[in-house]
Protein backbone atom coordinates (compact mmCIF):
# COMPACT_ATOMS: atom_id res chain seq x y z
CA GLN A 1 0.00 0.00 0.00
CA VAL A 2 1.29 3.42 -0.96
CA GLN A 3 1.55 6.02 1.78
CA LEU A 4 2.29 9.68 1.23
CA VAL A 5 3.07 11.96 4.17
CA GLU A 6 3.10 15.71 3.64
CA SER A 7 4.72 18.34 5.81
CA GLY A 8 5.78 21.96 5.66
CA GLY A 9 2.52 23.87 5.59
CA GLY A 10 1.77 26.82 7.80
CA LEU A 11 0.99 30.51 8.04
CA VAL A 12 3.09 32.91 6.00
CA GLN A 13 2.85 36.56 5.09
CA PRO A 14 2.25 37.66 1.49
CA GLY A 15 5.51 37.54 -0.44
CA GLY A 16 6.91 34.85 1.83
CA SER A 17 8.09 31.33 1.09
CA LEU A 18 7.32 27.80 2.19
CA ARG A 19 8.59 24.39 1.18
CA LEU A 20 6.22 21.45 1.21
CA SER A 21 7.53 17.90 1.43
CA CYS A 22 5.88 14.65 0.43
CA ALA A 23 7.55 11.49 1.68
CA ALA A 24 6.56 8.28 -0.10
CA SER A 25 6.59 4.81 1.41
CA GLN A 26 8.29 3.36 -1.64
CA ASN A 27 10.71 4.26 -4.39
CA ILE A 28 9.32 7.33 -6.13
CA PHE A 29 10.48 6.00 -9.50
CA ASN A 30 7.76 3.37 -9.19
CA PHE A 31 5.26 6.14 -9.96
CA ASN A 32 4.43 7.50 -13.39
CA ALA A 33 4.12 10.95 -11.88
CA MET A 34 3.92 12.77 -8.59
CA GLY A 35 2.79 16.22 -7.73
CA TRP A 36 0.59 18.58 -5.83
CA TYR A 37 -3.03 19.59 -5.92
CA ARG A 38 -4.63 22.26 -3.80
CA GLN A 39 -8.16 22.99 -2.69
CA ALA A 40 -9.33 26.32 -1.40
CA PRO A 41 -12.58 26.67 0.57
CA GLY A 42 -15.58 26.47 -1.71
CA LYS A 43 -13.47 25.65 -4.77
CA GLN A 44 -12.63 22.55 -6.75
CA ARG A 45 -9.33 20.77 -6.29
CA GLU A 46 -6.75 22.24 -8.65
CA LEU A 47 -3.62 20.60 -10.06
CA VAL A 48 -0.68 22.83 -9.12
CA ALA A 49 2.48 21.03 -10.22
CA THR A 50 3.62 17.65 -11.49
CA ILE A 51 6.88 15.85 -12.06
CA THR A 52 7.01 12.74 -14.20
CA VAL A 53 9.22 9.71 -13.74
CA GLY A 54 11.37 11.13 -16.53
CA GLY A 55 11.77 14.42 -14.71
CA SER A 56 9.48 16.60 -16.79
CA THR A 57 7.65 19.25 -14.81
CA ASN A 58 4.45 21.14 -15.39
CA TYR A 59 2.71 23.94 -13.51
CA VAL A 60 -0.63 25.66 -13.49
CA ASP A 61 -0.26 29.13 -15.01
CA SER A 62 -1.01 30.93 -11.76
CA VAL A 63 2.13 29.56 -10.04
CA LYS A 64 4.63 29.57 -12.91
CA GLY A 65 7.77 31.43 -11.93
CA ARG A 66 6.90 31.24 -8.23
CA PHE A 67 6.65 27.52 -7.43
CA THR A 68 9.19 24.80 -8.16
CA ILE A 69 8.62 21.06 -7.89
CA SER A 70 11.61 18.81 -7.31
CA ARG A 71 12.47 15.39 -5.93
CA ASP A 72 15.10 13.56 -3.93
CA SER A 73 15.22 9.92 -4.92
CA ALA A 74 17.47 9.00 -1.99
CA GLU A 75 14.80 10.28 0.40
CA ASN A 76 11.82 9.15 -1.72
CA THR A 77 10.51 12.67 -1.32
CA VAL A 78 8.98 15.25 -3.61
CA TYR A 79 9.12 18.93 -2.73
CA LEU A 80 7.16 22.02 -3.66
CA GLN A 81 9.14 25.21 -3.12
CA MET A 82 6.72 28.11 -3.01
CA SER A 83 7.91 31.70 -3.22
CA GLY A 84 6.18 35.02 -3.70
CA LEU A 85 3.14 33.62 -1.95
CA LYS A 86 -0.16 35.40 -2.36
CA PRO A 87 -3.39 35.23 -0.37
CA LYS A 88 -5.00 33.39 -3.29
CA ASP A 89 -2.50 30.56 -2.72
CA THR A 90 -4.25 29.79 0.56
CA ALA A 91 -5.51 26.22 0.39
CA VAL A 92 -5.02 22.69 1.60
CA TYR A 93 -2.23 21.20 -0.48
CA TYR A 94 -2.35 17.50 -1.29
CA CYS A 95 0.47 15.37 -2.57
CA TYR A 96 -0.42 12.68 -5.07
CA ALA A 97 1.33 9.79 -6.78
CA SER A 98 0.10 8.14 -9.94
CA ILE A 99 0.76 4.53 -10.88
CA LEU A 100 -1.10 2.39 -13.41
CA LEU A 101 -3.86 5.00 -13.79
CA ARG A 102 -4.52 5.04 -10.06
CA ASN A 103 -3.84 8.05 -7.85
CA TYR A 104 -2.76 7.86 -4.23
CA TRP A 105 -3.14 10.84 -1.92
CA GLY A 106 -1.58 12.32 1.15
CA GLN A 107 -3.61 13.69 4.03
CA GLY A 108 -3.13 17.32 3.04
CA THR A 109 -1.30 20.24 4.62
CA GLN A 110 -2.76 23.69 5.17
CA VAL A 111 -1.07 26.72 3.65
CA THR A 112 -2.39 30.10 4.75
CA VAL A 113 -1.07 33.31 3.26
CA SER A 114 -2.17 36.29 5.30
CA SER A 115 -0.83 39.42 6.91
């Protein structure tokens, strides 16, 4: 069974930075892709960033140039470095891992951007 454990959320002022971590219970190269979704109150879950097994990355337009997804295979961990945070980035952020057309999810970590 795949387990994903997120950490790194919190309260940050506008313009600040946070780094989210997603630790997987198995080798991250077993997955076709990993990444991050977010869900703000009253809104649908939104795909924020992905990284494929080959290392290709993709971002939603609203975070391009501010967020960076990366991975550490030795730690079986995927990261989301978030900079230039805005109040509209406030959401619960969920890590996911995709394998054989099935997605696995972490429990979510709250990110709040507020002064």
